[in-house]
């Protein structure tokens, strides 16, 4: 399945209009997978506000974000337009302190 223009624009718009955005299964209040829950827990400990998009209720984005970022899994974290990675990378960056540095206002 190829990423159509409307889905690409939807993803781009969300990334461009939010400093921190997490594409995840479920939402911040009720993550629907353990990996999404871990990233939410990490982000909640570092920043008061960030955007999320539930890929389970947006099937076009669920597949499209994988092609958009060339990353096969969800969750996916973007900070100020930069793709950071999935759960394992976010967890590693958190443990090293690098994620906190990336999330500091510029």
C-alpha atoms as a PDB file:
ATOM      1  CA  UNK A   1       0.000   0.000   0.000  1.00  0.00           C
ATOM      2  CA  UNK A   2       1.455   3.315  -1.071  1.00  0.00           C
ATOM      3  CA  UNK A   3       1.220   6.456   1.022  1.00  0.00           C
ATOM      4  CA  UNK A   4      -1.392   8.684  -0.633  1.00  0.00           C
ATOM      5  CA  UNK A   5      -1.024  12.464  -0.766  1.00  0.00           C
ATOM      6  CA  UNK A   6      -3.876  13.196   1.677  1.00  0.00           C
ATOM      7  CA  UNK A   7      -2.411  10.904   4.331  1.00  0.00           C
ATOM      8  CA  UNK A   8       1.085  12.305   3.762  1.00  0.00           C
ATOM      9  CA  UNK A   9      -0.270  15.842   4.248  1.00  0.00           C
ATOM     10  CA  UNK A  10      -2.180  14.826   7.390  1.00  0.00           C
ATOM     11  CA  UNK A  11       0.963  13.316   8.930  1.00  0.00           C
ATOM     12  CA  UNK A  12       3.162  16.248   7.868  1.00  0.00           C
ATOM     13  CA  UNK A  13       0.692  18.780   9.225  1.00  0.00           C
ATOM     14  CA  UNK A  14       0.541  17.075  12.612  1.00  0.00           C
ATOM     15  CA  UNK A  15       4.337  16.882  12.844  1.00  0.00           C
ATOM     16  CA  UNK A  16       4.814  20.498  11.748  1.00  0.00           C
ATOM     17  CA  UNK A  17       2.152  21.946  14.060  1.00  0.00           C
ATOM     18  CA  UNK A  18       3.349  20.248  17.275  1.00  0.00           C
ATOM     19  CA  UNK A  19       6.763  20.360  18.941  1.00  0.00           C
ATOM     20  CA  UNK A  20       6.287  16.811  20.217  1.00  0.00           C
ATOM     21  CA  UNK A  21       3.976  14.271  18.595  1.00  0.00           C
ATOM     22  CA  UNK A  22       3.582  10.584  19.298  1.00  0.00           C
ATOM     23  CA  UNK A  23       1.933   8.238  16.819  1.00  0.00           C
ATOM     24  CA  UNK A  24       0.685   5.451  19.060  1.00  0.00           C
ATOM     25  CA  UNK A  25      -1.891   2.747  19.678  1.00  0.00           C
ATOM     26  CA  UNK A  26      -4.555   4.327  21.869  1.00  0.00           C
ATOM     27  CA  UNK A  27      -4.194   7.742  23.441  1.00  0.00           C
ATOM     28  CA  UNK A  28      -2.265   9.380  26.248  1.00  0.00           C
ATOM     29  CA  UNK A  29      -4.930   8.528  28.824  1.00  0.00           C
ATOM     30  CA  UNK A  30      -5.408   4.944  27.626  1.00  0.00           C
ATOM     31  CA  UNK A  31      -2.537   3.430  25.636  1.00  0.00           C
ATOM     32  CA  UNK A  32      -3.564   0.227  23.836  1.00  0.00           C
ATOM     33  CA  UNK A  33      -0.187  -1.526  23.825  1.00  0.00           C
ATOM     34  CA  UNK A  34       2.707  -1.871  26.215  1.00  0.00           C
ATOM     35  CA  UNK A  35       5.188  -0.111  23.939  1.00  0.00           C
ATOM     36  CA  UNK A  36       2.940   2.927  23.542  1.00  0.00           C
ATOM     37  CA  UNK A  37       2.360   2.944  27.322  1.00  0.00           C
ATOM     38  CA  UNK A  38       6.122   2.980  27.979  1.00  0.00           C
ATOM     39  CA  UNK A  39       6.691   5.963  25.678  1.00  0.00           C
ATOM     40  CA  UNK A  40       3.736   7.841  27.218  1.00  0.00           C
ATOM     41  CA  UNK A  41       5.142   7.206  30.701  1.00  0.00           C
ATOM     42  CA  UNK A  42       8.563   8.537  29.626  1.00  0.00           C
ATOM     43  CA  UNK A  43       7.115  11.617  27.917  1.00  0.00           C
ATOM     44  CA  UNK A  44       4.806  12.327  30.874  1.00  0.00           C
ATOM     45  CA  UNK A  45       7.860  12.417  33.133  1.00  0.00           C
ATOM     46  CA  UNK A  46       9.648  14.935  30.890  1.00  0.00           C
ATOM     47  CA  UNK A  47       7.119  17.277  29.268  1.00  0.00           C
ATOM     48  CA  UNK A  48       3.713  18.575  30.343  1.00  0.00           C
ATOM     49  CA  UNK A  49       2.156  18.687  26.900  1.00  0.00           C
ATOM     50  CA  UNK A  50       2.486  16.793  23.658  1.00  0.00           C
ATOM     51  CA  UNK A  51       0.238  15.629  20.839  1.00  0.00           C
ATOM     52  CA  UNK A  52      -0.749  12.040  20.180  1.00  0.00           C
ATOM     53  CA  UNK A  53      -2.495  10.350  17.310  1.00  0.00           C
ATOM     54  CA  UNK A  54      -4.234   7.018  17.772  1.00  0.00           C
ATOM     55  CA  UNK A  55      -3.297   4.914  14.759  1.00  0.00           C
ATOM     56  CA  UNK A  56      -5.906   2.282  15.696  1.00  0.00           C
ATOM     57  CA  UNK A  57      -8.698   4.738  14.914  1.00  0.00           C
ATOM     58  CA  UNK A  58      -6.857   6.077  11.824  1.00  0.00           C
ATOM     59  CA  UNK A  59      -6.035   3.043   9.632  1.00  0.00           C
ATOM     60  CA  UNK A  60      -4.687   5.224   6.809  1.00  0.00           C
ATOM     61  CA  UNK A  61      -2.208   6.811   9.210  1.00  0.00           C
ATOM     62  CA  UNK A  62      -1.427   3.474  10.871  1.00  0.00           C
ATOM     63  CA  UNK A  63       0.039   2.188   7.610  1.00  0.00           C
ATOM     64  CA  UNK A  64       1.070   5.582   6.256  1.00  0.00           C
ATOM     65  CA  UNK A  65       3.290   6.583   9.182  1.00  0.00           C
ATOM     66  CA  UNK A  66       5.363   3.449   8.657  1.00  0.00           C
ATOM     67  CA  UNK A  67       6.075   4.445   5.072  1.00  0.00           C
ATOM     68  CA  UNK A  68       6.417   8.148   5.943  1.00  0.00           C
ATOM     69  CA  UNK A  69       9.215   7.483   8.434  1.00  0.00           C
ATOM     70  CA  UNK A  70      10.560   4.275   6.859  1.00  0.00           C
ATOM     71  CA  UNK A  71      10.083   2.683  10.290  1.00  0.00           C
ATOM     72  CA  UNK A  72       8.083  -0.570  10.566  1.00  0.00           C
ATOM     73  CA  UNK A  73       6.505  -0.218  14.011  1.00  0.00           C
ATOM     74  CA  UNK A  74       4.372   2.027  16.197  1.00  0.00           C
ATOM     75  CA  UNK A  75       4.783   3.983  18.461  1.00  0.00           C
ATOM     76  CA  UNK A  76       6.799   6.639  16.665  1.00  0.00           C
ATOM     77  CA  UNK A  77       8.021   9.850  18.277  1.00  0.00           C
ATOM     78  CA  UNK A  78       8.758  13.129  16.511  1.00  0.00           C
ATOM     79  CA  UNK A  79      10.356  16.126  18.231  1.00  0.00           C
ATOM     80  CA  UNK A  80      10.333  19.467  16.398  1.00  0.00           C
ATOM     81  CA  UNK A  81       9.929  17.704  13.066  1.00  0.00           C
ATOM     82  CA  UNK A  82      12.709  15.162  13.674  1.00  0.00           C
ATOM     83  CA  UNK A  83      11.875  11.474  13.756  1.00  0.00           C
ATOM     84  CA  UNK A  84      13.326  10.129  17.003  1.00  0.00           C
ATOM     85  CA  UNK A  85      12.313   6.478  16.804  1.00  0.00           C
ATOM     86  CA  UNK A  86      10.206   3.842  18.483  1.00  0.00           C
ATOM     87  CA  UNK A  87       9.949   2.532  22.020  1.00  0.00           C
ATOM     88  CA  UNK A  88      13.418   0.991  22.310  1.00  0.00           C
ATOM     89  CA  UNK A  89      15.199   4.082  21.009  1.00  0.00           C
ATOM     90  CA  UNK A  90      13.075   6.427  23.149  1.00  0.00           C
ATOM     91  CA  UNK A  91      13.846   4.307  26.209  1.00  0.00           C
ATOM     92  CA  UNK A  92      17.599   4.341  25.439  1.00  0.00           C
ATOM     93  CA  UNK A  93      17.598   8.114  24.900  1.00  0.00           C
ATOM     94  CA  UNK A  94      15.669   8.579  28.137  1.00  0.00           C
ATOM     95  CA  UNK A  95      18.126   6.455  30.144  1.00  0.00           C
ATOM     96  CA  UNK A  96      21.123   8.359  28.737  1.00  0.00           C
ATOM     97  CA  UNK A  97      19.537  11.783  29.352  1.00  0.00           C
ATOM     98  CA  UNK A  98      19.601  12.612  25.637  1.00  0.00           C
ATOM     99  CA  UNK A  99      15.805  12.619  25.329  1.00  0.00           C
ATOM    100  CA  UNK A 100      15.441  15.262  28.046  1.00  0.00           C
ATOM    101  CA  UNK A 101      17.971  17.404  26.176  1.00  0.00           C
ATOM    102  CA  UNK A 102      16.072  16.988  22.880  1.00  0.00           C
ATOM    103  CA  UNK A 103      12.787  17.928  24.538  1.00  0.00           C
ATOM    104  CA  UNK A 104      14.085  21.152  26.121  1.00  0.00           C
ATOM    105  CA  UNK A 105      12.601  24.236  24.464  1.00  0.00           C
ATOM    106  CA  UNK A 106      14.964  25.700  21.886  1.00  0.00           C
END
